Amino acid sequence: MWTGGKQTATLTALLDFSKRTMMQVTIQTAEANLSDLIERAQAGEDVVIAQGTRPVARLVPLRSSAFKIGLLKNELKGEGPDFFEPISEADLRLWEGEA
């Protein structure tokens, strides 16, 4: 059983799909213990928020992506196209659909 202040939420299900647990709390309990529930979600626990006994929302951790700026820095050789230079008349006619 999980206790948060005066309100008590019961652990309604233990799911062993990927070593994750799930708990269900009422909206009132979620309001009173949101910081703790967020910490639990960050730790990998699924938190289901219910209106009475009917589940209405789920609090789950977000996957963080490892986006790296400059991934190909120093890997590309040569000069790239100069987009600020005007294109030739022949290329312009092709671009505009004139042959």
N, C-alpha and C. Protein backbone atom coordinates (compact mmCIF):
# COMPACT_ATOMS: atom_id res chain seq x y z
N MET A 1 0.84 -1.17 0.00
CA MET A 1 0.00 0.00 0.00
C MET A 1 0.89 1.24 0.00
N TRP A 2 0.47 2.26 -0.74
CA TRP A 2 1.23 3.50 -0.83
C TRP A 2 0.47 4.56 -0.08
N THR A 3 1.14 5.29 0.78
CA THR A 3 0.46 6.31 1.57
C THR A 3 1.02 7.67 1.21
N GLY A 4 0.16 8.59 0.92
CA GLY A 4 0.54 9.96 0.62
C GLY A 4 -0.27 10.90 1.49
N GLY A 5 0.32 11.42 2.55
CA GLY A 5 -0.41 12.30 3.45
C GLY A 5 -1.57 11.57 4.09
N LYS A 6 -2.75 12.21 4.11
CA LYS A 6 -3.94 11.59 4.70
C LYS A 6 -4.60 10.62 3.74
N GLN A 7 -4.32 10.79 2.46
CA GLN A 7 -4.98 9.93 1.47
C GLN A 7 -4.15 8.69 1.20
N THR A 8 -4.82 7.62 0.92
CA THR A 8 -4.13 6.36 0.66
C THR A 8 -4.56 5.82 -0.69
N ALA A 9 -3.59 5.41 -1.47
CA ALA A 9 -3.88 4.78 -2.76
C ALA A 9 -3.34 3.36 -2.71
N THR A 10 -4.07 2.45 -3.24
CA THR A 10 -3.60 1.07 -3.22
C THR A 10 -2.92 0.74 -4.54
N LEU A 11 -1.95 -0.07 -4.46
CA LEU A 11 -1.26 -0.57 -5.64
C LEU A 11 -2.18 -1.61 -6.26
N THR A 12 -2.78 -1.26 -7.42
CA THR A 12 -3.81 -2.13 -7.97
C THR A 12 -3.25 -3.23 -8.85
N ALA A 13 -2.08 -3.04 -9.40
CA ALA A 13 -1.55 -4.11 -10.25
C ALA A 13 -0.04 -4.02 -10.30
N LEU A 14 0.58 -5.17 -10.26
CA LEU A 14 2.02 -5.25 -10.48
C LEU A 14 2.22 -5.97 -11.81
N LEU A 15 2.71 -5.24 -12.79
CA LEU A 15 2.92 -5.84 -14.10
C LEU A 15 4.39 -6.08 -14.30
N ASP A 16 4.74 -7.27 -14.68
CA ASP A 16 6.14 -7.63 -14.87
C ASP A 16 6.46 -7.75 -16.35
N PHE A 17 5.91 -6.86 -17.19
CA PHE A 17 6.19 -6.92 -18.62
C PHE A 17 7.61 -6.49 -18.92
N SER A 18 8.06 -5.44 -18.31
CA SER A 18 9.43 -4.97 -18.55
C SER A 18 10.00 -4.41 -17.26
N LYS A 19 9.76 -5.12 -16.19
CA LYS A 19 10.24 -4.71 -14.87
C LYS A 19 9.62 -3.38 -14.45
N ARG A 20 8.44 -3.07 -14.97
CA ARG A 20 7.76 -1.83 -14.61
C ARG A 20 6.56 -2.17 -13.75
N THR A 21 6.24 -1.28 -12.84
CA THR A 21 5.05 -1.45 -12.02
C THR A 21 4.02 -0.41 -12.41
N MET A 22 2.78 -0.68 -12.07
CA MET A 22 1.71 0.25 -12.35
C MET A 22 0.92 0.47 -11.08
N MET A 23 0.59 1.71 -10.81
CA MET A 23 -0.26 1.99 -9.67
C MET A 23 -1.41 2.86 -10.12
N GLN A 24 -2.54 2.74 -9.45
CA GLN A 24 -3.71 3.54 -9.77
C GLN A 24 -4.05 4.40 -8.57
N VAL A 25 -4.24 5.68 -8.81
CA VAL A 25 -4.61 6.62 -7.75
C VAL A 25 -5.81 7.43 -8.21
N THR A 26 -6.53 7.98 -7.27
CA THR A 26 -7.66 8.83 -7.62
C THR A 26 -7.16 10.21 -8.02
N ILE A 27 -8.04 10.97 -8.66
CA ILE A 27 -7.67 12.34 -9.06
C ILE A 27 -7.28 13.15 -7.84
N GLN A 28 -8.03 13.01 -6.76
CA GLN A 28 -7.73 13.77 -5.55
C GLN A 28 -6.36 13.41 -4.99
N THR A 29 -6.03 12.13 -4.99
CA THR A 29 -4.71 11.70 -4.52
C THR A 29 -3.62 12.22 -5.44
N ALA A 30 -3.87 12.19 -6.74
CA ALA A 30 -2.89 12.69 -7.70
C ALA A 30 -2.64 14.18 -7.50
N GLU A 31 -3.71 14.94 -7.27
CA GLU A 31 -3.55 16.38 -7.03
C GLU A 31 -2.70 16.65 -5.78
N ALA A 32 -2.94 15.89 -4.75
CA ALA A 32 -2.24 16.11 -3.48
C ALA A 32 -0.80 15.61 -3.51
N ASN A 33 -0.48 14.67 -4.41
CA ASN A 33 0.85 14.03 -4.41
C ASN A 33 1.51 14.06 -5.77
N LEU A 34 1.26 15.10 -6.54
CA LEU A 34 1.75 15.14 -7.92
C LEU A 34 3.27 15.04 -8.01
N SER A 35 3.99 15.74 -7.17
CA SER A 35 5.46 15.68 -7.23
C SER A 35 5.97 14.27 -7.02
N ASP A 36 5.42 13.57 -6.05
CA ASP A 36 5.83 12.19 -5.78
C ASP A 36 5.48 11.28 -6.95
N LEU A 37 4.31 11.48 -7.53
CA LEU A 37 3.90 10.65 -8.67
C LEU A 37 4.79 10.90 -9.88
N ILE A 38 5.20 12.14 -10.09
CA ILE A 38 6.12 12.45 -11.19
C ILE A 38 7.46 11.76 -10.97
N GLU A 39 7.95 11.79 -9.73
CA GLU A 39 9.21 11.08 -9.42
C GLU A 39 9.08 9.59 -9.71
N ARG A 40 7.95 9.02 -9.36
CA ARG A 40 7.73 7.59 -9.62
C ARG A 40 7.69 7.31 -11.12
N ALA A 41 7.07 8.21 -11.89
CA ALA A 41 7.03 8.04 -13.34
C ALA A 41 8.44 8.14 -13.92
N GLN A 42 9.23 9.08 -13.43
CA GLN A 42 10.61 9.20 -13.90
C GLN A 42 11.44 7.98 -13.56
N ALA A 43 11.07 7.30 -12.49
CA ALA A 43 11.78 6.08 -12.09
C ALA A 43 11.31 4.87 -12.88
N GLY A 44 10.31 5.07 -13.76
CA GLY A 44 9.88 3.98 -14.62
C GLY A 44 8.54 3.38 -14.25
N GLU A 45 7.89 3.92 -13.24
CA GLU A 45 6.61 3.36 -12.81
C GLU A 45 5.47 4.04 -13.57
N ASP A 46 4.51 3.26 -14.05
CA ASP A 46 3.31 3.80 -14.69
C ASP A 46 2.31 4.16 -13.60
N VAL A 47 1.78 5.37 -13.69
CA VAL A 47 0.78 5.82 -12.72
C VAL A 47 -0.51 6.08 -13.48
N VAL A 48 -1.56 5.38 -13.10
CA VAL A 48 -2.87 5.55 -13.71
C VAL A 48 -3.71 6.41 -12.77
N ILE A 49 -4.31 7.45 -13.32
CA ILE A 49 -5.17 8.33 -12.54
C ILE A 49 -6.61 7.98 -12.87
N ALA A 50 -7.39 7.76 -11.80
CA ALA A 50 -8.76 7.28 -11.98
C ALA A 50 -9.75 8.28 -11.41
N GLN A 51 -10.90 8.34 -12.06
CA GLN A 51 -12.02 9.09 -11.53
C GLN A 51 -12.92 8.05 -10.87
N GLY A 52 -12.84 7.99 -9.57
CA GLY A 52 -13.48 6.89 -8.85
C GLY A 52 -12.69 5.62 -9.10
N THR A 53 -13.31 4.65 -9.75
CA THR A 53 -12.60 3.41 -10.09
C THR A 53 -12.31 3.32 -11.59
N ARG A 54 -12.75 4.32 -12.36
CA ARG A 54 -12.57 4.30 -13.82
C ARG A 54 -11.29 5.03 -14.21
N PRO A 55 -10.30 4.34 -14.79
CA PRO A 55 -9.06 4.99 -15.23
C PRO A 55 -9.36 6.04 -16.31
N VAL A 56 -8.75 7.22 -16.16
CA VAL A 56 -8.98 8.30 -17.12
C VAL A 56 -7.69 8.87 -17.70
N ALA A 57 -6.56 8.65 -17.06
CA ALA A 57 -5.29 9.20 -17.55
C ALA A 57 -4.14 8.34 -17.05
N ARG A 58 -3.00 8.48 -17.74
CA ARG A 58 -1.81 7.73 -17.34
C ARG A 58 -0.62 8.68 -17.31
N LEU A 59 0.15 8.59 -16.26
CA LEU A 59 1.36 9.37 -16.11
C LEU A 59 2.53 8.42 -16.33
N VAL A 60 3.27 8.62 -17.41
CA VAL A 60 4.38 7.74 -17.75
C VAL A 60 5.63 8.58 -18.01
N PRO A 61 6.80 8.01 -17.88
CA PRO A 61 8.02 8.77 -18.14
C PRO A 61 8.18 9.04 -19.63
N LEU A 62 8.78 10.16 -19.93
CA LEU A 62 9.10 10.49 -21.31
C LEU A 62 10.48 9.93 -21.64
N ARG A 63 10.61 9.46 -22.85
CA ARG A 63 11.92 8.99 -23.29
C ARG A 63 12.76 10.20 -23.67
N SER A 64 13.95 10.24 -23.16
CA SER A 64 14.83 11.34 -23.53
C SER A 64 15.65 10.92 -24.74
N SER A 65 15.75 11.84 -25.67
CA SER A 65 16.51 11.52 -26.88
C SER A 65 17.90 12.12 -26.76
N ALA A 66 18.83 11.45 -27.33
CA ALA A 66 20.22 11.90 -27.30
C ALA A 66 20.52 12.60 -28.62
N PHE A 67 19.91 13.77 -28.80
CA PHE A 67 20.15 14.54 -30.02
C PHE A 67 21.50 15.23 -29.90
N LYS A 68 22.32 15.05 -30.91
CA LYS A 68 23.65 15.62 -30.88
C LYS A 68 23.81 16.60 -32.02
N ILE A 69 24.12 17.83 -31.67
CA ILE A 69 24.36 18.86 -32.68
C ILE A 69 25.78 18.68 -33.21
N GLY A 70 25.94 18.83 -34.51
CA GLY A 70 27.26 18.70 -35.10
C GLY A 70 27.68 17.26 -35.27
N LEU A 71 26.72 16.39 -35.51
CA LEU A 71 26.99 14.96 -35.62
C LEU A 71 28.04 14.65 -36.69
N LEU A 72 28.01 15.37 -37.81
CA LEU A 72 28.94 15.09 -38.91
C LEU A 72 30.07 16.13 -39.01
N LYS A 73 30.30 16.86 -37.94
CA LYS A 73 31.37 17.86 -37.95
C LYS A 73 32.71 17.18 -38.24
N ASN A 74 33.43 17.75 -39.15
CA ASN A 74 34.74 17.26 -39.59
C ASN A 74 34.66 15.95 -40.37
N GLU A 75 33.45 15.50 -40.72
CA GLU A 75 33.29 14.27 -41.48
C GLU A 75 33.03 14.55 -42.96
N LEU A 76 32.44 15.69 -43.26
CA LEU A 76 32.13 16.04 -44.64
C LEU A 76 33.32 16.76 -45.26
N LYS A 77 33.68 16.36 -46.44
CA LYS A 77 34.83 16.94 -47.11
C LYS A 77 34.37 17.78 -48.30
N GLY A 78 35.14 18.79 -48.64
CA GLY A 78 34.81 19.63 -49.79
C GLY A 78 33.85 20.74 -49.42
N GLU A 79 33.53 21.54 -50.41
CA GLU A 79 32.63 22.65 -50.18
C GLU A 79 31.22 22.27 -50.60
N GLY A 80 30.27 22.70 -49.85
CA GLY A 80 28.87 22.47 -50.19
C GLY A 80 28.39 23.53 -51.16
N PRO A 81 27.15 23.42 -51.60
CA PRO A 81 26.61 24.40 -52.53
C PRO A 81 26.47 25.77 -51.87
N ASP A 82 26.64 26.80 -52.67
CA ASP A 82 26.47 28.16 -52.17
C ASP A 82 25.06 28.61 -52.54
N PHE A 83 24.19 28.59 -51.60
CA PHE A 83 22.80 28.89 -51.86
C PHE A 83 22.53 30.38 -52.10
N PHE A 84 23.52 31.21 -51.85
CA PHE A 84 23.31 32.65 -52.05
C PHE A 84 23.75 33.12 -53.43
N GLU A 85 24.38 32.27 -54.18
CA GLU A 85 24.79 32.61 -55.54
C GLU A 85 23.61 32.40 -56.49
N PRO A 86 23.44 33.30 -57.46
CA PRO A 86 22.35 33.11 -58.42
C PRO A 86 22.61 31.88 -59.29
N ILE A 87 21.52 31.20 -59.69
CA ILE A 87 21.66 30.03 -60.55
C ILE A 87 21.73 30.47 -62.00
N SER A 88 22.22 29.60 -62.83
CA SER A 88 22.36 29.93 -64.25
C SER A 88 20.98 30.04 -64.89
N GLU A 89 20.92 30.72 -66.04
CA GLU A 89 19.65 30.90 -66.75
C GLU A 89 19.05 29.55 -67.15
N ALA A 90 19.88 28.59 -67.58
CA ALA A 90 19.39 27.27 -67.98
C ALA A 90 18.77 26.54 -66.79
N ASP A 91 19.43 26.60 -65.62
CA ASP A 91 18.89 25.96 -64.42
C ASP A 91 17.61 26.65 -63.96
N LEU A 92 17.55 27.96 -64.12
CA LEU A 92 16.35 28.71 -63.74
C LEU A 92 15.16 28.31 -64.60
N ARG A 93 15.39 28.14 -65.92
CA ARG A 93 14.31 27.71 -66.80
C ARG A 93 13.83 26.30 -66.42
N LEU A 94 14.74 25.40 -66.08
CA LEU A 94 14.34 24.06 -65.64
C LEU A 94 13.55 24.12 -64.32
N TRP A 95 13.98 24.96 -63.43
CA TRP A 95 13.31 25.11 -62.14
C TRP A 95 11.88 25.62 -62.33
N GLU A 96 11.70 26.53 -63.25
CA GLU A 96 10.39 27.11 -63.48
C GLU A 96 9.53 26.27 -64.43
N GLY A 97 10.05 25.12 -64.85
CA GLY A 97 9.26 24.20 -65.68
C GLY A 97 9.32 24.47 -67.15
N GLU A 98 10.21 25.34 -67.56
CA GLU A 98 10.37 25.63 -69.00
C GLU A 98 11.54 24.79 -69.51
N ALA A 99 11.35 24.15 -70.62
CA ALA A 99 12.42 23.31 -71.17
C ALA A 99 13.23 24.02 -72.21
